[in-house]
Amino acid sequence: MCPPHSVEEASTDPYDTIDLLEQDIESRDRTIADLRRENAQLLTRVNELGQQKATAETLAEDLQRDIALLRREIQRLQCQDTTTQPEDAPPATPWFANISFSTNAWEVLAVRAPAVAREFSENYVSTEHLLLAILRVPDCTAAKFLDYRGVTERIIAEVNRQAMRGDDRTTAEPQLTPRCKRCVELAINEAAGDTFGTGYMLLGLIQDGEGLAARVLTKICGVTLESARRELQALRQPNPTPTPA
């Protein structure tokens, strides 16, 4: 058996214990102070990042406004007639003068679409304006087709959400953008000599494939060119019975 330890060997000097405790407290105090400094530095960095984020967001908003202004200026210049004619020159013949329009198609193109463009504070008629104009003539073939498909409200919501709004206060009559004019030309080709109605106008918008109207119709509402051709043709019959999608 091992001999028992003496009391003297087992005992500890209390002053040594106090010294150790004081050293430990000092060490912990230094650690706490270091942590507080690090925390203060982190808070400062977080504040700096917050300020940088706010600055970046402001710059992004300014950039978006500048881009929108540039786009409108480009479209305005594209729509502007840069040719100069003598004062006594006869008025120019509209490019669609020889087209036979239906009453509804003429109302959409000449009355409703410019009105929609003005509502968006724009001085040009874009494809989305033409699409909304079609829906403003509910008894036309194209509007009936979209109603049968059950996408009328969705189209209105998406166009209002995505379409740019200008700050123009011009009183000039809004002109068709080159893309919108191309859509009408595609629609005229679809008509192939037939009376130009709103159904052909809708097909022209779909064929474009890139404008906002085409994106809303095809990618969001799922309207394809072939299904639109087929169902619009059915609507032109004496007793139309299109199949809702």
C-alpha atoms as a PDB file:
ATOM      1  CA  MET A   1       0.000   0.000   0.000  1.00  0.00           C
ATOM      2  CA  CYS A   2       1.134   3.532  -0.697  1.00  0.00           C
ATOM      3  CA  PRO A   3       1.870   5.633   2.378  1.00  0.00           C
ATOM      4  CA  PRO A   4      -0.679   8.374   3.020  1.00  0.00           C
ATOM      5  CA  HIS A   5       0.215  11.885   1.909  1.00  0.00           C
ATOM      6  CA  SER A   6       1.105  14.264   4.634  1.00  0.00           C
ATOM      7  CA  VAL A   7      -1.135  17.229   5.370  1.00  0.00           C
ATOM      8  CA  GLU A   8       1.689  19.532   4.392  1.00  0.00           C
ATOM      9  CA  GLU A   9       2.010  17.920   0.913  1.00  0.00           C
ATOM     10  CA  ALA A  10      -1.756  18.075   0.280  1.00  0.00           C
ATOM     11  CA  SER A  11      -2.188  21.650   1.294  1.00  0.00           C
ATOM     12  CA  THR A  12      -2.021  24.629  -1.168  1.00  0.00           C
ATOM     13  CA  ASP A  13      -0.885  28.141  -0.416  1.00  0.00           C
ATOM     14  CA  PRO A  14      -4.026  30.368  -0.579  1.00  0.00           C
ATOM     15  CA  TYR A  15      -1.971  33.342  -1.820  1.00  0.00           C
ATOM     16  CA  ASP A  16      -0.885  31.303  -4.807  1.00  0.00           C
ATOM     17  CA  THR A  17      -4.521  30.454  -5.518  1.00  0.00           C
ATOM     18  CA  ILE A  18      -5.523  34.117  -5.342  1.00  0.00           C
ATOM     19  CA  ASP A  19      -2.699  35.050  -7.711  1.00  0.00           C
ATOM     20  CA  LEU A  20      -3.825  32.423 -10.171  1.00  0.00           C
ATOM     21  CA  LEU A  21      -7.424  33.613  -9.958  1.00  0.00           C
ATOM     22  CA  GLU A  22      -6.370  37.222 -10.501  1.00  0.00           C
ATOM     23  CA  GLN A  23      -4.308  36.230 -13.542  1.00  0.00           C
ATOM     24  CA  ASP A  24      -7.268  34.308 -14.898  1.00  0.00           C
ATOM     25  CA  ILE A  25      -9.565  37.287 -14.363  1.00  0.00           C
ATOM     26  CA  GLU A  26      -7.095  39.606 -16.090  1.00  0.00           C
ATOM     27  CA  SER A  27      -6.836  37.187 -19.009  1.00  0.00           C
ATOM     28  CA  ARG A  28     -10.628  37.002 -19.300  1.00  0.00           C
ATOM     29  CA  ASP A  29     -10.878  40.802 -19.085  1.00  0.00           C
ATOM     30  CA  ARG A  30      -8.409  41.114 -21.961  1.00  0.00           C
ATOM     31  CA  THR A  31     -10.388  38.563 -23.983  1.00  0.00           C
ATOM     32  CA  ILE A  32     -13.640  40.466 -23.350  1.00  0.00           C
ATOM     33  CA  ALA A  33     -11.992  43.728 -24.343  1.00  0.00           C
ATOM     34  CA  ASP A  34     -10.657  42.148 -27.531  1.00  0.00           C
ATOM     35  CA  LEU A  35     -14.106  40.750 -28.343  1.00  0.00           C
ATOM     36  CA  ARG A  36     -15.685  44.155 -27.752  1.00  0.00           C
ATOM     37  CA  ARG A  37     -13.176  45.800 -30.097  1.00  0.00           C
ATOM     38  CA  GLU A  38     -13.846  43.145 -32.744  1.00  0.00           C
ATOM     39  CA  ASN A  39     -17.585  43.606 -32.287  1.00  0.00           C
ATOM     40  CA  ALA A  40     -17.238  47.371 -32.678  1.00  0.00           C
ATOM     41  CA  GLN A  41     -15.180  46.870 -35.839  1.00  0.00           C
ATOM     42  CA  LEU A  42     -17.786  44.469 -37.217  1.00  0.00           C
ATOM     43  CA  LEU A  43     -20.593  46.935 -36.481  1.00  0.00           C
ATOM     44  CA  THR A  44     -18.639  49.670 -38.225  1.00  0.00           C
ATOM     45  CA  ARG A  45     -18.113  47.402 -41.235  1.00  0.00           C
ATOM     46  CA  VAL A  46     -21.812  46.465 -41.295  1.00  0.00           C
ATOM     47  CA  ASN A  47     -22.744  50.154 -41.283  1.00  0.00           C
ATOM     48  CA  GLU A  48     -20.290  50.817 -44.107  1.00  0.00           C
ATOM     49  CA  LEU A  49     -21.760  47.934 -46.136  1.00  0.00           C
ATOM     50  CA  GLY A  50     -25.253  49.251 -45.479  1.00  0.00           C
ATOM     51  CA  GLN A  51     -24.266  52.657 -46.789  1.00  0.00           C
ATOM     52  CA  GLN A  52     -22.602  51.081 -49.832  1.00  0.00           C
ATOM     53  CA  LYS A  53     -25.752  49.018 -50.500  1.00  0.00           C
ATOM     54  CA  ALA A  54     -27.946  52.121 -50.289  1.00  0.00           C
ATOM     55  CA  THR A  55     -25.599  53.946 -52.674  1.00  0.00           C
ATOM     56  CA  ALA A  56     -25.621  50.995 -55.101  1.00  0.00           C
ATOM     57  CA  GLU A  57     -29.422  50.830 -55.039  1.00  0.00           C
ATOM     58  CA  THR A  58     -29.660  54.552 -55.749  1.00  0.00           C
ATOM     59  CA  LEU A  59     -27.206  54.212 -58.644  1.00  0.00           C
ATOM     60  CA  ALA A  60     -29.170  51.228 -60.001  1.00  0.00           C
ATOM     61  CA  GLU A  61     -32.421  53.222 -59.910  1.00  0.00           C
ATOM     62  CA  ASP A  62     -30.745  56.149 -61.676  1.00  0.00           C
ATOM     63  CA  LEU A  63     -29.342  53.770 -64.284  1.00  0.00           C
ATOM     64  CA  GLN A  64     -32.755  52.197 -64.904  1.00  0.00           C
ATOM     65  CA  ARG A  65     -34.285  55.648 -65.393  1.00  0.00           C
ATOM     66  CA  ASP A  66     -31.485  56.615 -67.791  1.00  0.00           C
ATOM     67  CA  ILE A  67     -31.980  53.385 -69.770  1.00  0.00           C
ATOM     68  CA  ALA A  68     -35.731  53.984 -69.972  1.00  0.00           C
ATOM     69  CA  LEU A  69     -35.136  57.552 -71.191  1.00  0.00           C
ATOM     70  CA  LEU A  70     -32.647  56.322 -73.796  1.00  0.00           C
ATOM     71  CA  ARG A  71     -35.085  53.684 -75.038  1.00  0.00           C
ATOM     72  CA  ARG A  72     -37.863  56.237 -75.389  1.00  0.00           C
ATOM     73  CA  GLU A  73     -35.533  58.615 -77.215  1.00  0.00           C
ATOM     74  CA  ILE A  74     -34.445  55.838 -79.598  1.00  0.00           C
ATOM     75  CA  GLN A  75     -38.066  54.920 -80.287  1.00  0.00           C
ATOM     76  CA  ARG A  76     -38.963  58.587 -80.759  1.00  0.00           C
ATOM     77  CA  LEU A  77     -36.154  59.031 -83.269  1.00  0.00           C
ATOM     78  CA  GLN A  78     -37.148  55.830 -85.060  1.00  0.00           C
ATOM     79  CA  CYS A  79     -40.725  57.049 -85.339  1.00  0.00           C
ATOM     80  CA  GLN A  80     -39.757  60.562 -86.369  1.00  0.00           C
ATOM     81  CA  ASP A  81     -40.063  61.428 -90.035  1.00  0.00           C
ATOM     82  CA  THR A  82     -36.661  62.863 -90.882  1.00  0.00           C
ATOM     83  CA  THR A  83     -37.542  63.778 -94.447  1.00  0.00           C
ATOM     84  CA  THR A  84     -38.105  67.456 -95.215  1.00  0.00           C
ATOM     85  CA  GLN A  85     -40.803  68.327 -97.738  1.00  0.00           C
ATOM     86  CA  PRO A  86     -41.637  71.676 -99.332  1.00  0.00           C
ATOM     87  CA  GLU A  87     -44.483  73.596 -97.726  1.00  0.00           C
ATOM     88  CA  ASP A  88     -46.621  73.265-100.863  1.00  0.00           C
ATOM     89  CA  ALA A  89     -46.019  69.511-101.181  1.00  0.00           C
ATOM     90  CA  PRO A  90     -49.170  67.332-101.120  1.00  0.00           C
ATOM     91  CA  PRO A  91     -49.743  65.297 -97.932  1.00  0.00           C
ATOM     92  CA  ALA A  92     -47.950  61.982 -97.857  1.00  0.00           C
ATOM     93  CA  THR A  93     -50.020  58.890 -98.568  1.00  0.00           C
ATOM     94  CA  PRO A  94     -50.242  56.604 -95.502  1.00  0.00           C
ATOM     95  CA  TRP A  95     -48.361  53.331 -95.983  1.00  0.00           C
ATOM     96  CA  PHE A  96     -51.605  51.404 -95.314  1.00  0.00           C
ATOM     97  CA  ALA A  97     -53.807  53.552 -97.570  1.00  0.00           C
ATOM     98  CA  ASN A  98     -54.606  50.704 -99.988  1.00  0.00           C
ATOM     99  CA  ILE A  99     -55.569  48.202 -97.275  1.00  0.00           C
ATOM    100  CA  SER A 100     -59.219  47.315 -96.760  1.00  0.00           C
ATOM    101  CA  PHE A 101     -59.754  47.507 -92.995  1.00  0.00           C
ATOM    102  CA  SER A 102     -62.724  46.159 -91.075  1.00  0.00           C
ATOM    103  CA  THR A 103     -64.493  48.724 -88.909  1.00  0.00           C
ATOM    104  CA  ASN A 104     -63.144  47.160 -85.723  1.00  0.00           C
ATOM    105  CA  ALA A 105     -59.570  46.902 -87.018  1.00  0.00           C
ATOM    106  CA  TRP A 106     -59.571  50.554 -88.028  1.00  0.00           C
ATOM    107  CA  GLU A 107     -60.933  51.556 -84.618  1.00  0.00           C
ATOM    108  CA  VAL A 108     -58.186  49.535 -82.893  1.00  0.00           C
ATOM    109  CA  LEU A 109     -55.357  50.921 -85.027  1.00  0.00           C
ATOM    110  CA  ALA A 110     -56.425  54.523 -85.500  1.00  0.00           C
ATOM    111  CA  VAL A 111     -58.365  55.303 -82.319  1.00  0.00           C
ATOM    112  CA  ARG A 112     -57.848  52.875 -79.464  1.00  0.00           C
ATOM    113  CA  ALA A 113     -54.106  52.195 -79.780  1.00  0.00           C
ATOM    114  CA  PRO A 114     -53.076  55.900 -79.764  1.00  0.00           C
ATOM    115  CA  ALA A 115     -55.371  56.431 -76.778  1.00  0.00           C
ATOM    116  CA  VAL A 116     -53.666  53.588 -74.896  1.00  0.00           C
ATOM    117  CA  ALA A 117     -50.235  55.026 -75.745  1.00  0.00           C
ATOM    118  CA  ARG A 118     -51.278  58.403 -74.323  1.00  0.00           C
ATOM    119  CA  GLU A 119     -52.482  56.690 -71.143  1.00  0.00           C
ATOM    120  CA  PHE A 120     -48.936  55.344 -70.752  1.00  0.00           C
ATOM    121  CA  SER A 121     -47.598  58.895 -71.372  1.00  0.00           C
ATOM    122  CA  GLU A 122     -45.863  57.749 -74.552  1.00  0.00           C
ATOM    123  CA  ASN A 123     -45.709  59.468 -77.913  1.00  0.00           C
ATOM    124  CA  TYR A 124     -45.489  56.192 -79.822  1.00  0.00           C
ATOM    125  CA  VAL A 125     -47.715  53.124 -80.245  1.00  0.00           C
ATOM    126  CA  SER A 126     -45.904  49.921 -79.325  1.00  0.00           C
ATOM    127  CA  THR A 127     -47.070  46.314 -79.642  1.00  0.00           C
ATOM    128  CA  GLU A 128     -48.400  46.178 -76.087  1.00  0.00           C
ATOM    129  CA  HIS A 129     -50.501  49.281 -76.733  1.00  0.00           C
ATOM    130  CA  LEU A 130     -51.966  47.606 -79.808  1.00  0.00           C
ATOM    131  CA  LEU A 131     -52.747  44.454 -77.815  1.00  0.00           C
ATOM    132  CA  LEU A 132     -54.570  46.400 -75.102  1.00  0.00           C
ATOM    133  CA  ALA A 133     -56.398  48.351 -77.812  1.00  0.00           C
ATOM    134  CA  ILE A 134     -57.742  45.073 -79.231  1.00  0.00           C
ATOM    135  CA  LEU A 135     -59.195  44.223 -75.823  1.00  0.00           C
ATOM    136  CA  ARG A 136     -60.904  47.627 -75.725  1.00  0.00           C
ATOM    137  CA  VAL A 137     -63.126  46.525 -78.648  1.00  0.00           C
ATOM    138  CA  PRO A 138     -64.723  43.480 -76.977  1.00  0.00           C
ATOM    139  CA  ASP A 139     -66.928  42.539 -79.926  1.00  0.00           C
ATOM    140  CA  CYS A 140     -63.995  42.210 -82.351  1.00  0.00           C
ATOM    141  CA  THR A 141     -62.801  38.772 -83.454  1.00  0.00           C
ATOM    142  CA  ALA A 142     -59.425  38.948 -81.703  1.00  0.00           C
ATOM    143  CA  ALA A 143     -60.914  40.056 -78.374  1.00  0.00           C
ATOM    144  CA  LYS A 144     -63.498  37.257 -78.555  1.00  0.00           C
ATOM    145  CA  PHE A 145     -60.747  34.729 -79.235  1.00  0.00           C
ATOM    146  CA  LEU A 146     -58.741  35.885 -76.222  1.00  0.00           C
ATOM    147  CA  ASP A 147     -61.876  35.846 -74.098  1.00  0.00           C
ATOM    148  CA  TYR A 148     -62.606  32.235 -75.160  1.00  0.00           C
ATOM    149  CA  ARG A 149     -59.050  31.377 -74.157  1.00  0.00           C
ATOM    150  CA  GLY A 150     -59.645  32.946 -70.748  1.00  0.00           C
ATOM    151  CA  VAL A 151     -56.536  35.136 -70.879  1.00  0.00           C
ATOM    152  CA  THR A 152     -57.981  38.655 -71.151  1.00  0.00           C
ATOM    153  CA  GLU A 153     -57.438  39.675 -67.529  1.00  0.00           C
ATOM    154  CA  ARG A 154     -53.985  38.103 -67.451  1.00  0.00           C
ATOM    155  CA  ILE A 155     -52.925  40.033 -70.549  1.00  0.00           C
ATOM    156  CA  ILE A 156     -54.084  43.322 -69.027  1.00  0.00           C
ATOM    157  CA  ALA A 157     -52.271  42.598 -65.756  1.00  0.00           C
ATOM    158  CA  GLU A 158     -48.998  41.551 -67.429  1.00  0.00           C
ATOM    159  CA  VAL A 159     -48.896  44.478 -69.842  1.00  0.00           C
ATOM    160  CA  ASN A 160     -49.605  46.942 -67.042  1.00  0.00           C
ATOM    161  CA  ARG A 161     -46.855  45.302 -64.985  1.00  0.00           C
ATOM    162  CA  GLN A 162     -44.178  45.138 -67.684  1.00  0.00           C
ATOM    163  CA  ALA A 163     -44.847  48.058 -70.014  1.00  0.00           C
ATOM    164  CA  MET A 164     -42.699  51.165 -69.694  1.00  0.00           C
ATOM    165  CA  ARG A 165     -44.375  54.419 -68.789  1.00  0.00           C
ATOM    166  CA  GLY A 166     -43.038  57.627 -70.216  1.00  0.00           C
ATOM    167  CA  ASP A 167     -43.045  61.194 -68.996  1.00  0.00           C
ATOM    168  CA  ASP A 168     -44.004  62.732 -72.316  1.00  0.00           C
ATOM    169  CA  ARG A 169     -46.678  65.403 -72.255  1.00  0.00           C
ATOM    170  CA  THR A 170     -46.706  65.919 -76.007  1.00  0.00           C
ATOM    171  CA  THR A 171     -50.012  66.562 -77.726  1.00  0.00           C
ATOM    172  CA  ALA A 172     -48.776  65.099 -81.010  1.00  0.00           C
ATOM    173  CA  GLU A 173     -50.547  62.031 -82.365  1.00  0.00           C
ATOM    174  CA  PRO A 174     -48.637  58.901 -81.283  1.00  0.00           C
ATOM    175  CA  GLN A 175     -46.953  57.089 -84.178  1.00  0.00           C
ATOM    176  CA  LEU A 176     -46.353  53.363 -84.629  1.00  0.00           C
ATOM    177  CA  THR A 177     -42.919  52.109 -83.599  1.00  0.00           C
ATOM    178  CA  PRO A 178     -41.006  50.235 -86.327  1.00  0.00           C
ATOM    179  CA  ARG A 179     -41.763  46.935 -84.555  1.00  0.00           C
ATOM    180  CA  CYS A 180     -45.463  47.721 -84.290  1.00  0.00           C
ATOM    181  CA  LYS A 181     -45.540  48.720 -87.946  1.00  0.00           C
ATOM    182  CA  ARG A 182     -43.815  45.435 -88.818  1.00  0.00           C
ATOM    183  CA  CYS A 183     -46.488  43.539 -86.868  1.00  0.00           C
ATOM    184  CA  VAL A 184     -49.185  45.253 -88.896  1.00  0.00           C
ATOM    185  CA  GLU A 185     -47.324  44.393 -92.109  1.00  0.00           C
ATOM    186  CA  LEU A 186     -47.108  40.743 -91.004  1.00  0.00           C
ATOM    187  CA  ALA A 187     -50.828  40.861 -90.322  1.00  0.00           C
ATOM    188  CA  ILE A 188     -51.488  42.284 -93.789  1.00  0.00           C
ATOM    189  CA  ASN A 189     -49.526  39.375 -95.262  1.00  0.00           C
ATOM    190  CA  GLU A 190     -51.652  36.985 -93.186  1.00  0.00           C
ATOM    191  CA  ALA A 191     -54.805  38.554 -94.592  1.00  0.00           C
ATOM    192  CA  ALA A 192     -53.519  37.875 -98.133  1.00  0.00           C
ATOM    193  CA  GLY A 193     -55.994  40.256 -99.755  1.00  0.00           C
ATOM    194  CA  ASP A 194     -58.857  39.510 -97.364  1.00  0.00           C
ATOM    195  CA  THR A 195     -60.426  42.352 -95.375  1.00  0.00           C
ATOM    196  CA  PHE A 196     -57.935  43.287 -92.677  1.00  0.00           C
ATOM    197  CA  GLY A 197     -59.550  42.423 -89.347  1.00  0.00           C
ATOM    198  CA  THR A 198     -58.417  42.264 -85.752  1.00  0.00           C
ATOM    199  CA  GLY A 199     -57.829  38.508 -86.006  1.00  0.00           C
ATOM    200  CA  TYR A 200     -55.085  39.097 -88.560  1.00  0.00           C
ATOM    201  CA  MET A 201     -53.761  41.903 -86.368  1.00  0.00           C
ATOM    202  CA  LEU A 202     -53.422  39.470 -83.470  1.00  0.00           C
ATOM    203  CA  LEU A 203     -51.624  36.948 -85.694  1.00  0.00           C
ATOM    204  CA  GLY A 204     -49.169  39.675 -86.697  1.00  0.00           C
ATOM    205  CA  LEU A 205     -48.425  40.415 -83.046  1.00  0.00           C
ATOM    206  CA  ILE A 206     -47.790  36.717 -82.365  1.00  0.00           C
ATOM    207  CA  GLN A 207     -45.589  36.287 -85.450  1.00  0.00           C
ATOM    208  CA  ASP A 208     -43.329  39.132 -84.332  1.00  0.00           C
ATOM    209  CA  GLY A 209     -42.101  36.896 -81.514  1.00  0.00           C
ATOM    210  CA  GLU A 210     -39.982  39.530 -79.734  1.00  0.00           C
ATOM    211  CA  GLY A 211     -42.179  42.443 -78.685  1.00  0.00           C
ATOM    212  CA  LEU A 212     -43.878  42.612 -75.313  1.00  0.00           C
ATOM    213  CA  ALA A 213     -47.235  41.682 -76.848  1.00  0.00           C
ATOM    214  CA  ALA A 214     -45.783  38.526 -78.395  1.00  0.00           C
ATOM    215  CA  ARG A 215     -44.045  37.533 -75.160  1.00  0.00           C
ATOM    216  CA  VAL A 216     -47.209  37.964 -73.110  1.00  0.00           C
ATOM    217  CA  LEU A 217     -49.343  36.062 -75.621  1.00  0.00           C
ATOM    218  CA  THR A 218     -46.996  33.137 -76.224  1.00  0.00           C
ATOM    219  CA  LYS A 219     -44.827  32.697 -73.140  1.00  0.00           C
ATOM    220  CA  ILE A 220     -47.261  33.742 -70.419  1.00  0.00           C
ATOM    221  CA  CYS A 221     -50.671  32.954 -71.917  1.00  0.00           C
ATOM    222  CA  GLY A 222     -49.564  29.969 -74.027  1.00  0.00           C
ATOM    223  CA  VAL A 223     -51.122  31.132 -77.305  1.00  0.00           C
ATOM    224  CA  THR A 224     -49.378  29.577 -80.312  1.00  0.00           C
ATOM    225  CA  LEU A 225     -49.523  30.848 -83.868  1.00  0.00           C
ATOM    226  CA  GLU A 226     -51.099  27.643 -85.234  1.00  0.00           C
ATOM    227  CA  SER A 227     -53.771  27.399 -82.540  1.00  0.00           C
ATOM    228  CA  ALA A 228     -54.590  31.088 -83.004  1.00  0.00           C
ATOM    229  CA  ARG A 229     -54.900  30.660 -86.781  1.00  0.00           C
ATOM    230  CA  ARG A 230     -57.191  27.654 -86.344  1.00  0.00           C
ATOM    231  CA  GLU A 231     -59.462  29.164 -83.702  1.00  0.00           C
ATOM    232  CA  LEU A 232     -59.653  32.599 -85.328  1.00  0.00           C
ATOM    233  CA  GLN A 233     -60.675  30.914 -88.563  1.00  0.00           C
ATOM    234  CA  ALA A 234     -63.444  29.140 -86.643  1.00  0.00           C
ATOM    235  CA  LEU A 235     -64.606  32.452 -85.186  1.00  0.00           C
ATOM    236  CA  ARG A 236     -64.979  33.886 -88.692  1.00  0.00           C
ATOM    237  CA  GLN A 237     -67.519  31.226 -89.600  1.00  0.00           C
ATOM    238  CA  PRO A 238     -71.264  32.052 -89.474  1.00  0.00           C
ATOM    239  CA  ASN A 239     -71.824  30.052 -86.249  1.00  0.00           C
ATOM    240  CA  PRO A 240     -68.449  30.059 -84.483  1.00  0.00           C
ATOM    241  CA  THR A 241     -67.845  27.389 -81.870  1.00  0.00           C
ATOM    242  CA  PRO A 242     -64.170  27.710 -80.893  1.00  0.00           C
ATOM    243  CA  THR A 243     -62.789  25.305 -78.348  1.00  0.00           C
ATOM    244  CA  PRO A 244     -61.539  27.073 -75.217  1.00  0.00           C
ATOM    245  CA  ALA A 245     -57.938  26.250 -74.331  1.00  0.00           C
END
